N, C-alpha and C. Protein backbone atom coordinates (compact mmCIF):
# COMPACT_ATOMS: atom_id res chain seq x y z
N MET A 1 32.21 -16.64 -63.74
CA MET A 1 33.48 -16.01 -63.42
C MET A 1 34.59 -17.06 -63.28
N THR A 2 34.24 -18.19 -62.65
CA THR A 2 35.23 -19.25 -62.46
C THR A 2 35.69 -19.81 -63.80
N ARG A 3 34.74 -19.96 -64.76
CA ARG A 3 35.11 -20.45 -66.10
C ARG A 3 36.11 -19.51 -66.76
N TYR A 4 35.87 -18.21 -66.60
CA TYR A 4 36.77 -17.21 -67.18
C TYR A 4 38.17 -17.34 -66.58
N ILE A 5 38.24 -17.53 -65.27
CA ILE A 5 39.54 -17.66 -64.60
C ILE A 5 40.27 -18.90 -65.10
N TYR A 6 39.55 -20.03 -65.21
CA TYR A 6 40.18 -21.25 -65.72
C TYR A 6 40.65 -21.07 -67.15
N LYS A 7 39.81 -20.47 -67.97
CA LYS A 7 40.16 -20.24 -69.37
C LYS A 7 41.41 -19.36 -69.47
N THR A 8 41.46 -18.30 -68.69
CA THR A 8 42.60 -17.39 -68.67
C THR A 8 43.86 -18.13 -68.21
N LEU A 9 43.73 -18.96 -67.18
CA LEU A 9 44.87 -19.71 -66.67
C LEU A 9 45.39 -20.69 -67.72
N ILE A 10 44.49 -21.36 -68.43
CA ILE A 10 44.91 -22.30 -69.47
C ILE A 10 45.65 -21.56 -70.59
N ILE A 11 45.10 -20.42 -71.00
CA ILE A 11 45.76 -19.62 -72.05
C ILE A 11 47.14 -19.19 -71.58
N PHE A 12 47.24 -18.72 -70.35
CA PHE A 12 48.52 -18.28 -69.79
C PHE A 12 49.54 -19.42 -69.82
N LEU A 13 49.11 -20.61 -69.38
CA LEU A 13 50.03 -21.76 -69.37
C LEU A 13 50.46 -22.16 -70.78
N ILE A 14 49.54 -22.13 -71.71
CA ILE A 14 49.88 -22.48 -73.09
C ILE A 14 50.88 -21.48 -73.65
N LEU A 15 50.59 -20.19 -73.47
CA LEU A 15 51.47 -19.16 -74.03
C LEU A 15 52.86 -19.20 -73.41
N ASN A 16 52.94 -19.44 -72.12
CA ASN A 16 54.24 -19.47 -71.46
C ASN A 16 55.05 -20.70 -71.81
N ASN A 17 54.42 -21.71 -72.37
CA ASN A 17 55.15 -22.93 -72.69
C ASN A 17 55.41 -23.13 -74.18
N LEU A 18 54.97 -22.19 -75.02
CA LEU A 18 55.19 -22.36 -76.46
C LEU A 18 56.67 -22.45 -76.82
N ASP A 19 57.48 -21.57 -76.23
CA ASP A 19 58.92 -21.63 -76.50
C ASP A 19 59.52 -22.93 -75.97
N LEU A 20 59.07 -23.37 -74.82
CA LEU A 20 59.55 -24.62 -74.25
C LEU A 20 59.22 -25.78 -75.18
N PHE A 21 57.98 -25.80 -75.71
CA PHE A 21 57.62 -26.84 -76.66
C PHE A 21 58.54 -26.82 -77.87
N ALA A 22 58.84 -25.64 -78.37
CA ALA A 22 59.70 -25.52 -79.56
C ALA A 22 61.10 -26.03 -79.26
N GLN A 23 61.61 -25.80 -78.05
CA GLN A 23 62.95 -26.26 -77.68
C GLN A 23 62.99 -27.77 -77.53
N ILE A 24 61.92 -28.33 -76.96
CA ILE A 24 61.87 -29.77 -76.72
C ILE A 24 61.69 -30.54 -78.03
N ASP A 25 60.84 -30.03 -78.88
CA ASP A 25 60.48 -30.74 -80.10
C ASP A 25 60.82 -29.88 -81.31
N THR A 26 61.94 -30.15 -81.94
CA THR A 26 62.42 -29.30 -83.04
C THR A 26 61.56 -29.40 -84.29
N ASN A 27 60.74 -30.43 -84.44
CA ASN A 27 59.92 -30.52 -85.64
C ASN A 27 58.67 -29.66 -85.56
N ARG A 28 58.50 -28.92 -84.50
CA ARG A 28 57.45 -27.90 -84.31
C ARG A 28 56.04 -28.47 -84.20
N SER A 29 55.90 -29.79 -84.21
CA SER A 29 54.54 -30.33 -84.15
C SER A 29 53.87 -29.99 -82.82
N ARG A 30 54.60 -30.01 -81.74
CA ARG A 30 54.02 -29.66 -80.44
C ARG A 30 53.63 -28.19 -80.40
N LYS A 31 54.48 -27.34 -80.98
CA LYS A 31 54.16 -25.92 -81.01
C LYS A 31 52.89 -25.69 -81.82
N ASN A 32 52.76 -26.39 -82.95
CA ASN A 32 51.56 -26.25 -83.77
C ASN A 32 50.32 -26.73 -83.01
N LYS A 33 50.45 -27.82 -82.25
CA LYS A 33 49.33 -28.30 -81.46
C LYS A 33 48.95 -27.29 -80.38
N ALA A 34 49.95 -26.69 -79.78
CA ALA A 34 49.67 -25.66 -78.77
C ALA A 34 48.95 -24.47 -79.40
N MET A 35 49.36 -24.09 -80.60
CA MET A 35 48.70 -22.99 -81.30
C MET A 35 47.26 -23.35 -81.63
N GLU A 36 47.01 -24.59 -82.05
CA GLU A 36 45.65 -25.02 -82.35
C GLU A 36 44.79 -24.94 -81.09
N THR A 37 45.33 -25.37 -79.97
CA THR A 37 44.60 -25.29 -78.71
C THR A 37 44.31 -23.85 -78.36
N TYR A 38 45.30 -22.99 -78.51
CA TYR A 38 45.12 -21.56 -78.24
C TYR A 38 44.00 -20.99 -79.10
N ASN A 39 44.02 -21.29 -80.39
CA ASN A 39 43.00 -20.76 -81.31
C ASN A 39 41.61 -21.29 -81.00
N LYS A 40 41.50 -22.51 -80.50
CA LYS A 40 40.19 -23.07 -80.16
C LYS A 40 39.59 -22.42 -78.92
N MET A 41 40.40 -21.70 -78.16
CA MET A 41 39.90 -21.04 -76.95
C MET A 41 38.99 -19.86 -77.30
N PHE A 42 39.04 -19.39 -78.52
CA PHE A 42 38.28 -18.21 -78.93
C PHE A 42 37.17 -18.60 -79.89
N PHE A 43 36.23 -17.72 -80.06
CA PHE A 43 35.13 -17.93 -81.01
C PHE A 43 35.59 -17.48 -82.39
N ILE A 44 36.25 -18.34 -83.09
CA ILE A 44 36.80 -18.02 -84.41
C ILE A 44 35.85 -18.59 -85.46
N PRO A 45 35.55 -17.81 -86.49
CA PRO A 45 34.68 -18.34 -87.55
C PRO A 45 35.25 -19.63 -88.13
N LYS A 46 34.38 -20.57 -88.42
CA LYS A 46 34.83 -21.87 -88.93
C LYS A 46 35.35 -21.77 -90.37
N SER A 47 34.91 -20.77 -91.09
CA SER A 47 35.28 -20.68 -92.50
C SER A 47 35.93 -19.34 -92.80
N ASP A 48 37.03 -19.37 -93.51
CA ASP A 48 37.68 -18.13 -93.90
C ASP A 48 36.79 -17.28 -94.80
N THR A 49 35.85 -17.91 -95.52
CA THR A 49 34.96 -17.13 -96.37
C THR A 49 34.07 -16.22 -95.53
N VAL A 50 33.75 -16.64 -94.32
CA VAL A 50 32.98 -15.79 -93.42
C VAL A 50 33.81 -14.56 -93.07
N TRP A 51 35.05 -14.78 -92.67
CA TRP A 51 35.94 -13.67 -92.31
C TRP A 51 36.12 -12.71 -93.48
N LYS A 52 36.37 -13.25 -94.65
CA LYS A 52 36.61 -12.42 -95.84
C LYS A 52 35.39 -11.59 -96.21
N SER A 53 34.21 -12.06 -95.88
CA SER A 53 32.99 -11.34 -96.25
C SER A 53 32.66 -10.19 -95.28
N LEU A 54 33.33 -10.15 -94.15
CA LEU A 54 33.03 -9.10 -93.16
C LEU A 54 33.60 -7.75 -93.59
N THR A 55 32.91 -6.68 -93.23
CA THR A 55 33.43 -5.33 -93.47
C THR A 55 34.57 -5.06 -92.49
N ILE A 56 35.32 -4.03 -92.73
CA ILE A 56 36.43 -3.69 -91.83
C ILE A 56 35.92 -3.38 -90.43
N ASP A 57 34.77 -2.72 -90.33
CA ASP A 57 34.19 -2.41 -89.03
C ASP A 57 33.78 -3.68 -88.30
N MET A 58 33.21 -4.65 -89.02
CA MET A 58 32.82 -5.92 -88.40
C MET A 58 34.04 -6.71 -87.95
N LYS A 59 35.09 -6.67 -88.76
CA LYS A 59 36.32 -7.36 -88.38
C LYS A 59 36.92 -6.73 -87.12
N TRP A 60 36.88 -5.39 -87.06
CA TRP A 60 37.39 -4.67 -85.89
C TRP A 60 36.62 -5.08 -84.64
N LYS A 61 35.30 -5.10 -84.75
CA LYS A 61 34.47 -5.49 -83.60
C LYS A 61 34.78 -6.93 -83.18
N PHE A 62 34.98 -7.78 -84.18
CA PHE A 62 35.27 -9.18 -83.88
C PHE A 62 36.59 -9.34 -83.13
N VAL A 63 37.66 -8.73 -83.65
CA VAL A 63 38.97 -8.91 -83.00
C VAL A 63 39.06 -8.17 -81.67
N SER A 64 38.43 -7.00 -81.57
CA SER A 64 38.57 -6.22 -80.33
C SER A 64 37.57 -6.62 -79.26
N ASP A 65 36.38 -7.08 -79.66
CA ASP A 65 35.33 -7.39 -78.68
C ASP A 65 35.10 -8.87 -78.45
N SER A 66 35.38 -9.71 -79.43
CA SER A 66 35.13 -11.15 -79.26
C SER A 66 36.42 -11.92 -79.00
N ILE A 67 37.39 -11.73 -79.86
CA ILE A 67 38.65 -12.46 -79.71
C ILE A 67 39.47 -11.89 -78.57
N GLY A 68 39.69 -10.58 -78.59
CA GLY A 68 40.49 -9.97 -77.52
C GLY A 68 41.90 -10.52 -77.52
N GLY A 69 42.38 -10.85 -76.33
CA GLY A 69 43.72 -11.38 -76.18
C GLY A 69 44.55 -10.50 -75.27
N CYS A 70 45.83 -10.79 -75.22
CA CYS A 70 46.75 -10.03 -74.39
C CYS A 70 47.90 -9.53 -75.25
N LEU A 71 48.28 -8.29 -75.04
CA LEU A 71 49.37 -7.71 -75.84
C LEU A 71 50.75 -8.10 -75.29
N THR A 72 50.83 -8.51 -74.06
CA THR A 72 52.07 -8.95 -73.41
C THR A 72 53.25 -7.99 -73.63
N GLY A 73 52.96 -6.71 -73.76
CA GLY A 73 54.01 -5.73 -74.02
C GLY A 73 54.38 -5.62 -75.49
N GLY A 74 53.79 -6.46 -76.33
CA GLY A 74 54.10 -6.48 -77.76
C GLY A 74 53.49 -5.34 -78.54
N GLN A 75 52.78 -4.44 -77.86
CA GLN A 75 52.19 -3.30 -78.56
C GLN A 75 53.23 -2.26 -78.93
N TYR A 76 54.38 -2.30 -78.26
CA TYR A 76 55.43 -1.31 -78.54
C TYR A 76 56.47 -1.89 -79.49
N CYS A 77 57.05 -1.01 -80.28
CA CYS A 77 58.06 -1.41 -81.27
C CYS A 77 59.45 -1.06 -80.73
N VAL A 78 60.37 -1.98 -80.90
CA VAL A 78 61.76 -1.78 -80.51
C VAL A 78 62.62 -2.12 -81.72
N ASP A 79 63.42 -1.16 -82.14
CA ASP A 79 64.27 -1.36 -83.32
C ASP A 79 63.44 -1.83 -84.52
N SER A 80 62.32 -1.17 -84.74
CA SER A 80 61.41 -1.45 -85.86
C SER A 80 60.79 -2.84 -85.84
N LYS A 81 60.80 -3.48 -84.67
CA LYS A 81 60.16 -4.79 -84.52
C LYS A 81 59.06 -4.66 -83.47
N CYS A 82 57.87 -5.14 -83.82
CA CYS A 82 56.73 -5.07 -82.91
C CYS A 82 56.25 -6.48 -82.59
N GLY A 83 55.61 -6.61 -81.45
CA GLY A 83 55.04 -7.89 -81.08
C GLY A 83 56.01 -8.71 -80.26
N GLY A 84 55.78 -9.97 -80.24
CA GLY A 84 56.60 -10.89 -79.47
C GLY A 84 55.79 -12.13 -79.17
N MET A 85 56.44 -13.11 -78.62
CA MET A 85 55.77 -14.36 -78.29
C MET A 85 54.66 -14.09 -77.30
N GLY A 86 53.49 -14.54 -77.58
CA GLY A 86 52.35 -14.37 -76.69
C GLY A 86 51.47 -13.19 -77.05
N CYS A 87 51.98 -12.22 -77.80
CA CYS A 87 51.19 -11.05 -78.18
C CYS A 87 50.06 -11.49 -79.12
N CYS A 88 48.82 -11.11 -78.78
CA CYS A 88 47.68 -11.55 -79.60
C CYS A 88 47.80 -11.09 -81.05
N PHE A 89 48.49 -9.97 -81.30
CA PHE A 89 48.68 -9.52 -82.68
C PHE A 89 49.45 -10.56 -83.48
N ASN A 90 50.37 -11.26 -82.84
CA ASN A 90 51.19 -12.28 -83.51
C ASN A 90 50.54 -13.66 -83.45
N MET A 91 49.90 -13.95 -82.32
CA MET A 91 49.46 -15.31 -82.05
C MET A 91 48.14 -15.69 -82.72
N ASN A 92 47.28 -14.73 -82.94
CA ASN A 92 45.97 -15.05 -83.46
C ASN A 92 45.89 -14.75 -84.95
N PRO A 93 45.51 -15.71 -85.77
CA PRO A 93 45.48 -15.49 -87.21
C PRO A 93 44.50 -14.39 -87.64
N TYR A 94 43.45 -14.17 -86.86
CA TYR A 94 42.49 -13.14 -87.24
C TYR A 94 43.00 -11.74 -86.92
N TRP A 95 43.75 -11.61 -85.84
CA TRP A 95 44.42 -10.33 -85.58
C TRP A 95 45.42 -10.06 -86.69
N ASN A 96 46.19 -11.09 -87.02
CA ASN A 96 47.20 -10.95 -88.07
C ASN A 96 46.55 -10.56 -89.39
N SER A 97 45.45 -11.19 -89.72
CA SER A 97 44.73 -10.88 -90.96
C SER A 97 44.19 -9.44 -90.93
N PHE A 98 43.65 -9.04 -89.78
CA PHE A 98 43.12 -7.68 -89.65
C PHE A 98 44.22 -6.65 -89.88
N LEU A 99 45.38 -6.88 -89.29
CA LEU A 99 46.48 -5.92 -89.38
C LEU A 99 47.15 -5.90 -90.74
N THR A 100 46.80 -6.83 -91.61
CA THR A 100 47.37 -6.85 -92.97
C THR A 100 46.32 -6.51 -94.03
N LEU A 101 45.21 -5.92 -93.60
CA LEU A 101 44.23 -5.42 -94.58
C LEU A 101 44.89 -4.31 -95.39
N PRO A 102 44.29 -3.91 -96.53
CA PRO A 102 44.89 -2.83 -97.33
C PRO A 102 45.20 -1.61 -96.46
N LYS A 103 46.45 -1.20 -96.49
CA LYS A 103 46.98 -0.22 -95.55
C LYS A 103 46.21 1.10 -95.50
N LYS A 104 45.95 1.70 -96.63
CA LYS A 104 45.29 3.01 -96.63
C LYS A 104 43.93 2.95 -95.95
N ASP A 105 43.12 1.96 -96.33
CA ASP A 105 41.79 1.80 -95.74
C ASP A 105 41.88 1.50 -94.25
N LEU A 106 42.80 0.62 -93.89
CA LEU A 106 42.95 0.24 -92.49
C LEU A 106 43.38 1.43 -91.64
N VAL A 107 44.35 2.18 -92.11
CA VAL A 107 44.84 3.33 -91.34
C VAL A 107 43.74 4.39 -91.20
N ASP A 108 43.04 4.68 -92.28
CA ASP A 108 41.93 5.64 -92.21
C ASP A 108 40.89 5.18 -91.18
N PHE A 109 40.58 3.89 -91.21
CA PHE A 109 39.62 3.34 -90.26
C PHE A 109 40.12 3.48 -88.82
N LEU A 110 41.37 3.11 -88.58
CA LEU A 110 41.92 3.17 -87.23
C LEU A 110 41.98 4.61 -86.71
N ILE A 111 42.31 5.55 -87.58
CA ILE A 111 42.32 6.96 -87.18
C ILE A 111 40.92 7.39 -86.75
N SER A 112 39.90 6.88 -87.41
CA SER A 112 38.52 7.23 -87.04
C SER A 112 38.14 6.67 -85.67
N LYS A 113 38.90 5.72 -85.17
CA LYS A 113 38.61 5.10 -83.86
C LYS A 113 39.39 5.73 -82.71
N LEU A 114 40.22 6.71 -82.99
CA LEU A 114 41.09 7.28 -81.95
C LEU A 114 40.35 8.05 -80.85
N SER A 115 39.07 8.29 -81.02
CA SER A 115 38.32 8.98 -79.97
C SER A 115 37.34 8.04 -79.25
N ASP A 116 37.39 6.76 -79.55
CA ASP A 116 36.46 5.78 -78.98
C ASP A 116 36.96 5.30 -77.62
N THR A 117 36.23 5.63 -76.56
CA THR A 117 36.68 5.31 -75.20
C THR A 117 36.09 4.01 -74.65
N VAL A 118 35.41 3.24 -75.47
CA VAL A 118 34.83 1.97 -75.04
C VAL A 118 35.96 0.96 -74.78
N LYS A 119 35.83 0.20 -73.70
CA LYS A 119 36.83 -0.83 -73.37
C LYS A 119 36.71 -2.02 -74.31
N THR A 120 37.84 -2.65 -74.59
CA THR A 120 37.88 -3.85 -75.43
C THR A 120 38.17 -5.07 -74.56
N LYS A 121 38.28 -6.22 -75.21
CA LYS A 121 38.68 -7.45 -74.50
C LYS A 121 40.18 -7.71 -74.66
N VAL A 122 40.92 -6.69 -75.08
CA VAL A 122 42.36 -6.84 -75.25
C VAL A 122 43.05 -6.28 -74.00
N HIS A 123 43.81 -7.14 -73.36
CA HIS A 123 44.49 -6.78 -72.12
C HIS A 123 45.87 -6.21 -72.42
N THR A 124 46.21 -5.15 -71.69
CA THR A 124 47.51 -4.51 -71.85
C THR A 124 48.36 -4.84 -70.62
N CYS A 125 49.16 -5.88 -70.71
CA CYS A 125 49.97 -6.33 -69.57
C CYS A 125 50.91 -5.23 -69.12
N PRO A 126 51.11 -5.06 -67.85
CA PRO A 126 50.44 -5.76 -66.74
C PRO A 126 49.29 -4.94 -66.17
N TYR A 127 48.65 -4.11 -66.96
CA TYR A 127 47.66 -3.18 -66.43
C TYR A 127 46.23 -3.59 -66.75
N PHE A 128 45.55 -2.83 -67.61
CA PHE A 128 44.11 -2.99 -67.80
C PHE A 128 43.78 -3.28 -69.25
N ASN A 129 42.51 -3.56 -69.50
CA ASN A 129 42.07 -3.74 -70.88
C ASN A 129 42.14 -2.40 -71.60
N ALA A 130 42.50 -2.46 -72.86
CA ALA A 130 42.67 -1.26 -73.68
C ALA A 130 41.32 -0.69 -74.09
N THR A 131 41.26 0.62 -74.26
CA THR A 131 40.10 1.24 -74.90
C THR A 131 40.25 1.04 -76.40
N LYS A 132 39.18 1.26 -77.15
CA LYS A 132 39.26 1.11 -78.61
C LYS A 132 40.23 2.14 -79.19
N ALA A 133 40.24 3.35 -78.63
CA ALA A 133 41.17 4.39 -79.11
C ALA A 133 42.62 3.95 -78.87
N GLU A 134 42.87 3.44 -77.70
CA GLU A 134 44.22 2.98 -77.35
C GLU A 134 44.62 1.80 -78.24
N LEU A 135 43.71 0.86 -78.45
CA LEU A 135 44.00 -0.30 -79.29
C LEU A 135 44.25 0.13 -80.73
N ALA A 136 43.48 1.10 -81.22
CA ALA A 136 43.71 1.63 -82.57
C ALA A 136 45.11 2.22 -82.66
N THR A 137 45.55 2.90 -81.60
CA THR A 137 46.90 3.48 -81.56
C THR A 137 47.95 2.37 -81.64
N TYR A 138 47.76 1.30 -80.88
CA TYR A 138 48.71 0.19 -80.91
C TYR A 138 48.75 -0.47 -82.29
N CYS A 139 47.61 -0.55 -82.95
CA CYS A 139 47.57 -1.09 -84.32
C CYS A 139 48.34 -0.17 -85.27
N LEU A 140 48.14 1.13 -85.13
CA LEU A 140 48.88 2.09 -85.97
C LEU A 140 50.39 1.99 -85.71
N GLN A 141 50.77 1.80 -84.45
CA GLN A 141 52.19 1.62 -84.12
C GLN A 141 52.75 0.43 -84.88
N ARG A 142 52.00 -0.64 -84.90
CA ARG A 142 52.46 -1.86 -85.56
C ARG A 142 52.57 -1.67 -87.07
N ILE A 143 51.62 -0.97 -87.64
CA ILE A 143 51.63 -0.74 -89.09
C ILE A 143 52.83 0.11 -89.51
N PHE A 144 53.08 1.19 -88.76
CA PHE A 144 54.14 2.13 -89.14
C PHE A 144 55.46 1.89 -88.40
N LYS A 145 55.45 0.98 -87.43
CA LYS A 145 56.66 0.67 -86.63
C LYS A 145 57.18 1.91 -85.90
N ILE A 146 56.24 2.72 -85.41
CA ILE A 146 56.56 3.94 -84.65
C ILE A 146 55.66 3.96 -83.42
N ASN A 147 56.23 4.15 -82.25
CA ASN A 147 55.45 4.22 -81.02
C ASN A 147 54.79 5.59 -80.88
N TRP A 148 53.65 5.63 -80.22
CA TRP A 148 52.92 6.89 -80.06
C TRP A 148 53.75 7.94 -79.35
N TYR A 149 54.60 7.54 -78.43
CA TYR A 149 55.39 8.51 -77.67
C TYR A 149 56.56 9.09 -78.48
N ASP A 150 56.76 8.58 -79.69
CA ASP A 150 57.77 9.16 -80.58
C ASP A 150 57.19 10.26 -81.47
N ILE A 151 55.89 10.49 -81.38
CA ILE A 151 55.22 11.52 -82.18
C ILE A 151 55.66 12.92 -81.75
N ASP A 152 55.84 13.11 -80.46
CA ASP A 152 56.11 14.44 -79.91
C ASP A 152 57.18 14.31 -78.83
N LYS A 153 58.11 15.25 -78.79
CA LYS A 153 59.17 15.21 -77.77
C LYS A 153 58.59 15.25 -76.37
N LYS A 154 57.45 15.93 -76.21
CA LYS A 154 56.80 15.99 -74.89
C LYS A 154 56.39 14.59 -74.45
N TYR A 155 55.87 13.78 -75.37
CA TYR A 155 55.44 12.42 -75.03
C TYR A 155 56.64 11.57 -74.60
N GLN A 156 57.77 11.78 -75.26
CA GLN A 156 58.97 11.02 -74.94
C GLN A 156 59.42 11.29 -73.51
N LYS A 157 59.13 12.47 -73.00
CA LYS A 157 59.52 12.82 -71.63
C LYS A 157 58.78 11.97 -70.60
N TYR A 158 57.60 11.47 -70.95
CA TYR A 158 56.91 10.55 -70.03
C TYR A 158 57.66 9.23 -69.94
N VAL A 159 58.25 8.81 -71.05
CA VAL A 159 58.96 7.54 -71.10
C VAL A 159 60.29 7.64 -70.35
N ASP A 160 61.04 8.71 -70.60
CA ASP A 160 62.35 8.82 -69.94
C ASP A 160 62.28 9.39 -68.53
N GLY A 161 61.08 9.78 -68.09
CA GLY A 161 60.90 10.21 -66.71
C GLY A 161 61.17 11.68 -66.44
N THR A 162 61.51 12.46 -67.45
CA THR A 162 61.79 13.88 -67.19
C THR A 162 60.50 14.68 -67.02
N LEU A 163 59.38 14.17 -67.53
CA LEU A 163 58.09 14.80 -67.30
C LEU A 163 57.29 13.86 -66.41
N LYS A 164 57.06 14.31 -65.20
CA LYS A 164 56.34 13.47 -64.24
C LYS A 164 54.84 13.66 -64.44
N PRO A 165 54.15 12.57 -64.70
CA PRO A 165 52.70 12.69 -64.84
C PRO A 165 52.05 13.02 -63.50
N THR A 166 50.83 13.52 -63.56
CA THR A 166 50.10 13.81 -62.33
C THR A 166 49.80 12.51 -61.62
N GLU A 167 49.32 12.62 -60.40
CA GLU A 167 49.14 11.41 -59.60
C GLU A 167 48.10 10.44 -60.15
N ASP A 168 47.22 10.90 -61.06
CA ASP A 168 46.25 9.96 -61.62
C ASP A 168 46.80 9.20 -62.83
N PHE A 169 48.05 9.42 -63.18
CA PHE A 169 48.73 8.63 -64.21
C PHE A 169 49.58 7.59 -63.50
N TYR A 170 49.43 6.33 -63.91
CA TYR A 170 50.22 5.28 -63.29
C TYR A 170 51.14 4.56 -64.26
N SER A 171 50.83 4.65 -65.54
CA SER A 171 51.59 3.90 -66.54
C SER A 171 51.51 4.62 -67.88
N LEU A 172 52.29 4.13 -68.84
CA LEU A 172 52.19 4.67 -70.20
C LEU A 172 50.78 4.45 -70.76
N GLN A 173 50.13 3.39 -70.35
CA GLN A 173 48.76 3.16 -70.78
C GLN A 173 47.85 4.30 -70.30
N ASP A 174 48.00 4.68 -69.04
CA ASP A 174 47.21 5.79 -68.50
C ASP A 174 47.52 7.09 -69.24
N VAL A 175 48.80 7.33 -69.49
CA VAL A 175 49.20 8.56 -70.19
C VAL A 175 48.54 8.60 -71.57
N LEU A 176 48.63 7.49 -72.31
CA LEU A 176 48.04 7.44 -73.64
C LEU A 176 46.53 7.66 -73.58
N GLN A 177 45.85 7.01 -72.64
CA GLN A 177 44.41 7.18 -72.54
C GLN A 177 44.04 8.63 -72.24
N LYS A 178 44.79 9.28 -71.36
CA LYS A 178 44.52 10.69 -71.03
C LYS A 178 44.78 11.60 -72.24
N LEU A 179 45.84 11.31 -72.99
CA LEU A 179 46.14 12.11 -74.18
C LEU A 179 45.05 11.96 -75.24
N LEU A 180 44.52 10.76 -75.38
CA LEU A 180 43.50 10.51 -76.40
C LEU A 180 42.15 11.16 -76.09
N ILE A 181 41.91 11.51 -74.82
CA ILE A 181 40.65 12.20 -74.52
C ILE A 181 40.84 13.72 -74.48
N ASP A 182 42.08 14.18 -74.63
CA ASP A 182 42.36 15.61 -74.73
C ASP A 182 42.20 16.00 -76.20
N LYS A 183 41.28 16.91 -76.50
CA LYS A 183 40.96 17.25 -77.89
C LYS A 183 42.18 17.73 -78.68
N ASN A 184 43.04 18.53 -78.06
CA ASN A 184 44.22 19.05 -78.77
C ASN A 184 45.23 17.94 -79.06
N GLU A 185 45.46 17.08 -78.07
CA GLU A 185 46.42 15.98 -78.26
C GLU A 185 45.87 14.96 -79.27
N LEU A 186 44.57 14.70 -79.21
CA LEU A 186 43.94 13.79 -80.16
C LEU A 186 44.08 14.31 -81.58
N LYS A 187 43.85 15.60 -81.76
CA LYS A 187 43.99 16.21 -83.09
C LYS A 187 45.43 16.08 -83.60
N LYS A 188 46.39 16.31 -82.70
CA LYS A 188 47.81 16.19 -83.06
C LYS A 188 48.12 14.76 -83.53
N MET A 189 47.61 13.77 -82.79
CA MET A 189 47.87 12.37 -83.15
C MET A 189 47.20 12.01 -84.48
N LYS A 190 45.97 12.47 -84.67
CA LYS A 190 45.27 12.18 -85.93
C LYS A 190 46.02 12.76 -87.12
N ILE A 191 46.50 13.98 -86.98
CA ILE A 191 47.27 14.62 -88.06
C ILE A 191 48.54 13.84 -88.34
N TYR A 192 49.24 13.43 -87.29
CA TYR A 192 50.49 12.69 -87.44
C TYR A 192 50.26 11.38 -88.20
N TRP A 193 49.31 10.57 -87.75
CA TRP A 193 49.07 9.27 -88.39
C TRP A 193 48.56 9.47 -89.82
N THR A 194 47.75 10.49 -90.04
CA THR A 194 47.22 10.76 -91.39
C THR A 194 48.36 11.10 -92.35
N LYS A 195 49.33 11.91 -91.90
CA LYS A 195 50.47 12.28 -92.76
C LYS A 195 51.28 11.05 -93.15
N LEU A 196 51.39 10.10 -92.24
CA LEU A 196 52.14 8.87 -92.56
C LEU A 196 51.41 8.02 -93.60
N ASN A 197 50.12 8.20 -93.69
CA ASN A 197 49.29 7.36 -94.57
C ASN A 197 49.17 7.91 -95.99
N ILE A 198 49.82 9.02 -96.27
CA ILE A 198 49.71 9.62 -97.61
C ILE A 198 50.62 8.91 -98.59
C-alpha cells in the first residue's frame, strides 16, 4: 500500500509540474524527460509490435486495467475540446493509440461495454475510479466531442441543478453510473451513440 501511495504522489508531482517545466525550459527537453518518467511508471509494452498485435478487447483491458491513470476532469468536452494537461487520455501514448483505433470498430466495441459495472484503474477526479461502462462513455464523449449529459434534456438538468438527484447521488459520476445501470436509460444511450456511428 505504501508503494502505491509513493507512486501516486510521484505521478501527481510530475503531472503538476509539466507546465512549469515547459515555462522554464522552452526547448521542451525537460517536459519530454518528465513525460518519459511518467510513462515508465506504468507497465507499458516494450515494443509497439506487441501493442499492434493485440485485439481491441486486449487493448481495452490493458489501458483500463493495467495502465489506468487519472482523467483530471478531462473526460468532459468544452467547446468541442476534450482532455487537458494531466488527463491520461492525453498523457499516455497507449490511451491515445486506443482512442484513435478505426472509429466504427472502436465505437461498436465501446457501446458493447456500456453495461459493464466492473471498476477500472482509471480515477475520475475528484471522486472514484470509473466503471468500465462509465469509462466507455467518456471514450465515446472524446470520439464524438459530445458529453453524455447532452444526449437528453433531462440529463442536462442534473448539470444545471434544476433536477435534484436523490440523496445517493453525489456527483455527475454517480448520476452517470446510476443511469448506466437503468435498463431504459442504458438503451437510450446505446441508441444515441449507435446513431452517431452510422
